[in-house]
């Protein structure tokens, strides 16, 4: 049985990790009230960082609910996601969405991220094959 936890190795833990994602974001996925920035890593598994500011989500109870939903979503999809560092940002108005809508948004965003990362990998592997043939 696979591990379905959310251990420290699946989290962005320091400011340098976040800064690297912001500076070198290779993938950007938008959802209703949410945005994902991601950059490839060499760890072999995804890592998640959350940014839910008071400016965009006023009440602490709403920030905590959204963070809990995001962690649960990534925890369940961690084995399908590519090896990327992900920063999930909240936008204004996201607190008005109910839990089911937020869950659907996150699920769709993870699928789009998987698709984009797979396209980049395929292009890189095709490019590697072309250089080998020369």
N, C-alpha and C. Protein backbone atom coordinates (compact mmCIF):
# COMPACT_ATOMS: atom_id res chain seq x y z
N UNK A 1 0.84 -1.19 0.00
CA UNK A 1 0.00 0.00 0.00
C UNK A 1 0.88 1.25 0.00
N UNK A 2 0.56 2.21 -0.84
CA UNK A 2 1.37 3.41 -0.94
C UNK A 2 1.08 4.38 0.20
N UNK A 3 2.08 5.18 0.52
CA UNK A 3 1.94 6.18 1.58
C UNK A 3 1.11 7.34 1.06
N UNK A 4 0.07 7.71 1.78
CA UNK A 4 -0.78 8.82 1.38
C UNK A 4 -0.65 10.01 2.32
N UNK A 5 0.43 10.07 3.09
CA UNK A 5 0.63 11.17 4.02
C UNK A 5 1.11 12.43 3.32
N UNK A 6 1.37 13.46 4.13
CA UNK A 6 1.90 14.72 3.61
C UNK A 6 3.11 15.11 4.44
N UNK A 7 4.22 14.37 4.27
CA UNK A 7 5.42 14.60 5.09
C UNK A 7 6.17 15.86 4.68
N UNK A 8 7.18 16.21 5.46
CA UNK A 8 7.98 17.42 5.21
C UNK A 8 8.61 17.42 3.83
N UNK A 9 8.98 16.25 3.31
CA UNK A 9 9.65 16.20 2.02
C UNK A 9 8.74 16.66 0.88
N UNK A 10 7.42 16.74 1.10
CA UNK A 10 6.48 17.19 0.08
C UNK A 10 6.15 18.68 0.21
N UNK A 11 6.86 19.40 1.08
CA UNK A 11 6.56 20.82 1.31
C UNK A 11 7.75 21.70 0.95
N UNK A 12 7.44 22.90 0.47
CA UNK A 12 8.47 23.93 0.32
C UNK A 12 8.64 24.54 1.71
N UNK A 13 9.87 24.54 2.23
CA UNK A 13 10.06 24.88 3.63
C UNK A 13 10.74 26.22 3.89
N UNK A 14 11.46 26.76 2.94
CA UNK A 14 12.16 28.01 3.23
C UNK A 14 11.97 29.02 2.09
N UNK A 15 12.36 30.26 2.38
CA UNK A 15 12.16 31.35 1.44
C UNK A 15 12.90 31.12 0.12
N UNK A 16 14.05 30.48 0.18
CA UNK A 16 14.81 30.20 -1.04
C UNK A 16 14.06 29.30 -1.99
N UNK A 17 13.35 28.31 -1.45
CA UNK A 17 12.54 27.41 -2.29
C UNK A 17 11.44 28.20 -3.01
N UNK A 18 10.75 29.06 -2.26
CA UNK A 18 9.69 29.88 -2.85
C UNK A 18 10.26 30.83 -3.90
N UNK A 19 11.36 31.48 -3.58
CA UNK A 19 11.97 32.44 -4.50
C UNK A 19 12.36 31.76 -5.81
N UNK A 20 12.90 30.55 -5.73
CA UNK A 20 13.29 29.82 -6.93
C UNK A 20 12.08 29.56 -7.83
N UNK A 21 10.95 29.22 -7.23
CA UNK A 21 9.74 28.99 -8.02
C UNK A 21 9.28 30.28 -8.68
N UNK A 22 9.27 31.38 -7.92
CA UNK A 22 8.84 32.65 -8.50
C UNK A 22 9.78 33.12 -9.60
N UNK A 23 11.07 32.93 -9.42
CA UNK A 23 12.04 33.42 -10.40
C UNK A 23 12.11 32.56 -11.66
N UNK A 24 11.89 31.26 -11.53
CA UNK A 24 12.07 30.36 -12.68
C UNK A 24 10.81 29.56 -13.01
N UNK A 25 9.64 30.14 -12.80
CA UNK A 25 8.38 29.41 -13.03
C UNK A 25 8.27 28.99 -14.49
N UNK A 26 8.29 27.69 -14.71
CA UNK A 26 8.17 27.15 -16.06
C UNK A 26 6.71 26.89 -16.43
N UNK A 27 5.86 26.72 -15.41
CA UNK A 27 4.45 26.42 -15.63
C UNK A 27 3.60 27.40 -14.83
N UNK A 28 2.52 27.86 -15.46
CA UNK A 28 1.57 28.74 -14.78
C UNK A 28 0.18 28.23 -15.13
N UNK A 29 -0.60 27.86 -14.10
CA UNK A 29 -1.93 27.33 -14.31
C UNK A 29 -2.91 28.18 -13.50
N UNK A 30 -3.94 28.69 -14.17
CA UNK A 30 -4.94 29.53 -13.52
C UNK A 30 -6.20 28.74 -13.27
N UNK A 31 -6.83 29.05 -12.16
CA UNK A 31 -8.14 28.51 -11.84
C UNK A 31 -8.98 29.64 -11.28
N UNK A 32 -10.23 29.36 -10.95
CA UNK A 32 -11.11 30.39 -10.41
C UNK A 32 -10.67 30.70 -8.98
N UNK A 33 -10.05 31.85 -8.79
CA UNK A 33 -9.62 32.26 -7.47
C UNK A 33 -8.28 31.70 -7.04
N UNK A 34 -7.65 30.88 -7.87
CA UNK A 34 -6.37 30.25 -7.52
C UNK A 34 -5.41 30.33 -8.70
N UNK A 35 -4.13 30.30 -8.40
CA UNK A 35 -3.11 30.25 -9.45
C UNK A 35 -1.96 29.38 -8.97
N UNK A 36 -1.41 28.58 -9.87
CA UNK A 36 -0.29 27.71 -9.57
C UNK A 36 0.91 28.14 -10.39
N UNK A 37 2.04 28.31 -9.72
CA UNK A 37 3.33 28.48 -10.38
C UNK A 37 4.15 27.24 -10.07
N UNK A 38 4.86 26.71 -11.05
CA UNK A 38 5.64 25.50 -10.82
C UNK A 38 6.93 25.54 -11.62
N UNK A 39 7.94 24.91 -11.08
CA UNK A 39 9.22 24.78 -11.75
C UNK A 39 9.75 23.37 -11.50
N UNK A 40 10.40 22.75 -12.47
CA UNK A 40 10.91 21.39 -12.28
C UNK A 40 11.95 21.32 -11.16
N UNK A 41 11.97 20.20 -10.47
CA UNK A 41 13.02 19.94 -9.47
C UNK A 41 13.68 18.61 -9.78
N UNK A 42 14.76 18.32 -9.09
CA UNK A 42 15.50 17.08 -9.34
C UNK A 42 15.31 16.06 -8.23
N UNK A 43 14.23 16.22 -7.45
CA UNK A 43 14.01 15.34 -6.30
C UNK A 43 13.24 14.07 -6.64
N UNK A 44 12.54 14.07 -7.75
CA UNK A 44 11.78 12.89 -8.12
C UNK A 44 10.36 12.89 -7.57
N UNK A 45 9.95 13.93 -6.88
CA UNK A 45 8.58 14.04 -6.36
C UNK A 45 8.19 15.51 -6.27
N UNK A 46 6.88 15.80 -6.26
CA UNK A 46 6.44 17.19 -6.18
C UNK A 46 6.56 17.73 -4.76
N UNK A 47 6.72 19.05 -4.66
CA UNK A 47 6.67 19.73 -3.36
C UNK A 47 5.70 20.89 -3.48
N UNK A 48 5.00 21.20 -2.41
CA UNK A 48 3.95 22.22 -2.43
C UNK A 48 4.23 23.32 -1.43
N UNK A 49 4.03 24.55 -1.85
CA UNK A 49 4.06 25.72 -0.98
C UNK A 49 2.77 26.48 -1.16
N UNK A 50 2.23 27.01 -0.06
CA UNK A 50 0.95 27.70 -0.09
C UNK A 50 1.13 29.16 0.28
N UNK A 51 0.47 30.04 -0.46
CA UNK A 51 0.46 31.46 -0.13
C UNK A 51 -0.99 31.93 -0.16
N UNK A 52 -1.55 32.13 1.02
CA UNK A 52 -2.91 32.62 1.20
C UNK A 52 -2.83 33.85 2.09
N UNK A 53 -2.71 35.01 1.47
CA UNK A 53 -2.47 36.24 2.23
C UNK A 53 -3.77 36.79 2.83
N UNK A 54 -3.60 37.57 3.89
CA UNK A 54 -4.74 38.24 4.53
C UNK A 54 -5.39 39.23 3.57
N UNK A 55 -4.60 39.79 2.69
CA UNK A 55 -5.13 40.75 1.73
C UNK A 55 -6.18 40.11 0.82
N UNK A 56 -5.94 38.87 0.41
CA UNK A 56 -6.85 38.18 -0.51
C UNK A 56 -7.88 37.31 0.19
N UNK A 57 -7.56 36.78 1.36
CA UNK A 57 -8.49 35.94 2.12
C UNK A 57 -8.49 36.48 3.55
N UNK A 58 -9.47 37.30 3.88
CA UNK A 58 -9.45 38.07 5.12
C UNK A 58 -9.50 37.22 6.38
N UNK A 59 -10.41 36.29 6.46
CA UNK A 59 -10.61 35.57 7.71
C UNK A 59 -9.70 34.36 7.82
N UNK A 60 -9.15 34.16 9.01
CA UNK A 60 -8.23 33.04 9.25
C UNK A 60 -8.93 31.70 9.03
N UNK A 61 -10.19 31.62 9.38
CA UNK A 61 -10.91 30.36 9.21
C UNK A 61 -10.99 29.99 7.72
N UNK A 62 -11.14 30.99 6.85
CA UNK A 62 -11.17 30.72 5.41
C UNK A 62 -9.79 30.33 4.89
N UNK A 63 -8.75 31.03 5.34
CA UNK A 63 -7.38 30.66 4.93
C UNK A 63 -7.07 29.23 5.34
N UNK A 64 -7.40 28.87 6.56
CA UNK A 64 -7.11 27.52 7.05
C UNK A 64 -7.90 26.47 6.28
N UNK A 65 -9.17 26.75 5.97
CA UNK A 65 -9.99 25.81 5.20
C UNK A 65 -9.39 25.58 3.82
N UNK A 66 -8.99 26.66 3.16
CA UNK A 66 -8.42 26.54 1.81
C UNK A 66 -7.09 25.80 1.84
N UNK A 67 -6.25 26.07 2.83
CA UNK A 67 -4.98 25.35 2.95
C UNK A 67 -5.22 23.86 3.18
N UNK A 68 -6.18 23.56 4.03
CA UNK A 68 -6.49 22.15 4.31
C UNK A 68 -6.95 21.44 3.04
N UNK A 69 -7.82 22.10 2.26
CA UNK A 69 -8.28 21.51 1.00
C UNK A 69 -7.14 21.32 0.01
N UNK A 70 -6.24 22.28 -0.07
CA UNK A 70 -5.10 22.19 -0.99
C UNK A 70 -4.17 21.05 -0.59
N UNK A 71 -3.87 20.94 0.70
CA UNK A 71 -2.99 19.85 1.16
C UNK A 71 -3.61 18.49 0.91
N UNK A 72 -4.91 18.37 1.15
CA UNK A 72 -5.60 17.11 0.90
C UNK A 72 -5.58 16.76 -0.58
N UNK A 73 -5.79 17.74 -1.42
CA UNK A 73 -5.80 17.52 -2.87
C UNK A 73 -4.43 17.04 -3.35
N UNK A 74 -3.37 17.69 -2.93
CA UNK A 74 -2.03 17.30 -3.37
C UNK A 74 -1.63 15.95 -2.77
N UNK A 75 -2.07 15.70 -1.56
CA UNK A 75 -1.76 14.43 -0.91
C UNK A 75 -2.33 13.25 -1.71
N UNK A 76 -3.52 13.43 -2.24
CA UNK A 76 -4.16 12.35 -3.00
C UNK A 76 -3.61 12.21 -4.41
N UNK A 77 -3.02 13.27 -4.98
CA UNK A 77 -2.51 13.23 -6.36
C UNK A 77 -1.00 13.20 -6.43
N UNK A 78 -0.30 13.10 -5.30
CA UNK A 78 1.15 13.23 -5.28
C UNK A 78 1.86 12.21 -6.17
N UNK A 79 1.29 11.04 -6.36
CA UNK A 79 1.95 10.01 -7.16
C UNK A 79 1.78 10.22 -8.66
N UNK A 80 0.81 11.04 -9.05
CA UNK A 80 0.60 11.32 -10.46
C UNK A 80 1.33 12.57 -10.92
N UNK A 81 1.62 13.48 -10.00
CA UNK A 81 2.23 14.75 -10.38
C UNK A 81 3.69 14.57 -10.74
N UNK A 82 4.18 15.38 -11.67
CA UNK A 82 5.60 15.32 -12.04
C UNK A 82 6.48 15.89 -10.92
N UNK A 83 7.77 15.76 -11.06
CA UNK A 83 8.73 16.27 -10.07
C UNK A 83 8.88 17.78 -10.27
N UNK A 84 8.00 18.53 -9.60
CA UNK A 84 8.02 19.99 -9.69
C UNK A 84 7.84 20.59 -8.31
N UNK A 85 8.35 21.81 -8.15
CA UNK A 85 8.06 22.61 -6.96
C UNK A 85 6.88 23.50 -7.31
N UNK A 86 5.83 23.46 -6.50
CA UNK A 86 4.58 24.14 -6.78
C UNK A 86 4.32 25.19 -5.72
N UNK A 87 3.92 26.38 -6.15
CA UNK A 87 3.42 27.41 -5.23
C UNK A 87 1.98 27.69 -5.63
N UNK A 88 1.07 27.51 -4.67
CA UNK A 88 -0.35 27.76 -4.89
C UNK A 88 -0.70 29.10 -4.26
N UNK A 89 -1.18 30.02 -5.08
CA UNK A 89 -1.53 31.37 -4.63
C UNK A 89 -3.04 31.55 -4.65
N UNK A 90 -3.56 32.23 -3.61
CA UNK A 90 -4.98 32.56 -3.56
C UNK A 90 -5.19 33.94 -4.15
N UNK A 91 -6.31 34.11 -4.81
CA UNK A 91 -6.70 35.41 -5.33
C UNK A 91 -7.95 35.87 -4.60
N UNK A 92 -8.29 37.14 -4.79
CA UNK A 92 -9.48 37.68 -4.12
C UNK A 92 -10.73 36.92 -4.56
N UNK A 93 -11.62 36.69 -3.62
CA UNK A 93 -12.89 36.05 -3.92
C UNK A 93 -12.89 34.54 -3.79
N UNK A 94 -11.75 33.94 -3.56
CA UNK A 94 -11.70 32.48 -3.46
C UNK A 94 -12.44 31.98 -2.23
N UNK A 95 -12.54 32.79 -1.18
CA UNK A 95 -13.20 32.34 0.04
C UNK A 95 -14.70 32.15 -0.16
N UNK A 96 -15.28 32.74 -1.23
CA UNK A 96 -16.70 32.55 -1.49
C UNK A 96 -17.02 31.19 -2.10
N UNK A 97 -16.01 30.50 -2.61
CA UNK A 97 -16.23 29.18 -3.22
C UNK A 97 -16.46 28.14 -2.14
N UNK A 98 -17.37 27.22 -2.40
CA UNK A 98 -17.58 26.14 -1.43
C UNK A 98 -16.52 25.05 -1.62
N UNK A 99 -16.47 24.12 -0.67
CA UNK A 99 -15.42 23.09 -0.67
C UNK A 99 -15.42 22.25 -1.94
N UNK A 100 -16.58 21.87 -2.42
CA UNK A 100 -16.65 21.02 -3.62
C UNK A 100 -16.09 21.76 -4.83
N UNK A 101 -16.39 23.05 -4.94
CA UNK A 101 -15.89 23.84 -6.07
C UNK A 101 -14.38 23.99 -6.00
N UNK A 102 -13.86 24.27 -4.82
CA UNK A 102 -12.41 24.39 -4.65
C UNK A 102 -11.74 23.08 -5.00
N UNK A 103 -12.31 21.96 -4.55
CA UNK A 103 -11.74 20.65 -4.85
C UNK A 103 -11.71 20.40 -6.35
N UNK A 104 -12.79 20.73 -7.06
CA UNK A 104 -12.84 20.57 -8.52
C UNK A 104 -11.81 21.46 -9.19
N UNK A 105 -11.69 22.70 -8.73
CA UNK A 105 -10.70 23.62 -9.30
C UNK A 105 -9.30 23.05 -9.16
N UNK A 106 -8.96 22.59 -7.96
CA UNK A 106 -7.62 22.05 -7.72
C UNK A 106 -7.37 20.81 -8.57
N UNK A 107 -8.36 19.93 -8.63
CA UNK A 107 -8.22 18.70 -9.42
C UNK A 107 -7.92 19.04 -10.89
N UNK A 108 -8.68 20.00 -11.44
CA UNK A 108 -8.45 20.41 -12.83
C UNK A 108 -7.09 21.07 -13.02
N UNK A 109 -6.66 21.85 -12.04
CA UNK A 109 -5.36 22.51 -12.14
C UNK A 109 -4.23 21.49 -12.10
N UNK A 110 -4.33 20.47 -11.25
CA UNK A 110 -3.28 19.45 -11.19
C UNK A 110 -3.23 18.68 -12.51
N UNK A 111 -4.41 18.39 -13.10
CA UNK A 111 -4.41 17.69 -14.39
C UNK A 111 -3.76 18.53 -15.48
N UNK A 112 -4.05 19.84 -15.51
CA UNK A 112 -3.42 20.71 -16.52
C UNK A 112 -1.91 20.79 -16.29
N UNK A 113 -1.49 20.84 -15.04
CA UNK A 113 -0.06 20.88 -14.73
C UNK A 113 0.62 19.60 -15.20
N UNK A 114 -0.01 18.45 -14.95
CA UNK A 114 0.54 17.17 -15.43
C UNK A 114 0.69 17.20 -16.94
N UNK A 115 -0.34 17.67 -17.65
CA UNK A 115 -0.32 17.70 -19.11
C UNK A 115 0.79 18.60 -19.64
N UNK A 116 0.91 19.79 -19.06
CA UNK A 116 1.96 20.72 -19.50
C UNK A 116 3.35 20.16 -19.25
N UNK A 117 3.55 19.56 -18.08
CA UNK A 117 4.86 19.00 -17.76
C UNK A 117 5.18 17.82 -18.68
N UNK A 118 4.19 17.03 -19.02
CA UNK A 118 4.41 15.89 -19.92
C UNK A 118 4.80 16.38 -21.31
N UNK A 119 4.15 17.48 -21.77
CA UNK A 119 4.51 18.04 -23.08
C UNK A 119 5.96 18.51 -23.10
N UNK A 120 6.38 19.18 -22.04
CA UNK A 120 7.76 19.67 -21.97
C UNK A 120 8.74 18.50 -21.96
N UNK A 121 8.42 17.46 -21.19
CA UNK A 121 9.30 16.28 -21.14
C UNK A 121 9.40 15.63 -22.51
N UNK A 122 8.27 15.51 -23.22
CA UNK A 122 8.29 14.90 -24.55
C UNK A 122 9.12 15.72 -25.53
N UNK A 123 8.98 17.05 -25.44
CA UNK A 123 9.76 17.91 -26.33
C UNK A 123 11.25 17.79 -26.03
N UNK A 124 11.60 17.72 -24.74
CA UNK A 124 13.01 17.59 -24.37
C UNK A 124 13.57 16.25 -24.81
N UNK A 125 12.79 15.18 -24.62
CA UNK A 125 13.29 13.87 -25.02
C UNK A 125 13.39 13.78 -26.54
N UNK A 126 12.48 14.41 -27.27
CA UNK A 126 12.58 14.44 -28.73
C UNK A 126 13.79 15.23 -29.16
N UNK A 127 14.06 16.33 -28.47
CA UNK A 127 15.25 17.12 -28.77
C UNK A 127 16.53 16.36 -28.49
N UNK A 128 16.55 15.57 -27.42
CA UNK A 128 17.70 14.74 -27.10
C UNK A 128 17.92 13.68 -28.18
N UNK A 129 16.84 13.10 -28.68
CA UNK A 129 16.97 12.11 -29.74
C UNK A 129 17.52 12.74 -31.02
N UNK A 130 17.09 13.96 -31.30
CA UNK A 130 17.58 14.62 -32.50
C UNK A 130 19.07 14.92 -32.40
N UNK A 131 19.54 15.32 -31.23
CA UNK A 131 20.98 15.62 -31.07
C UNK A 131 21.79 14.33 -31.12
N UNK A 132 21.23 13.21 -30.66
CA UNK A 132 21.95 11.94 -30.72
C UNK A 132 22.11 11.47 -32.16
N UNK A 133 21.12 11.74 -33.00
CA UNK A 133 21.15 11.30 -34.38
C UNK A 133 22.17 12.07 -35.21
N UNK A 134 22.48 13.29 -34.81
CA UNK A 134 23.42 14.12 -35.57
C UNK A 134 24.78 13.63 -35.37
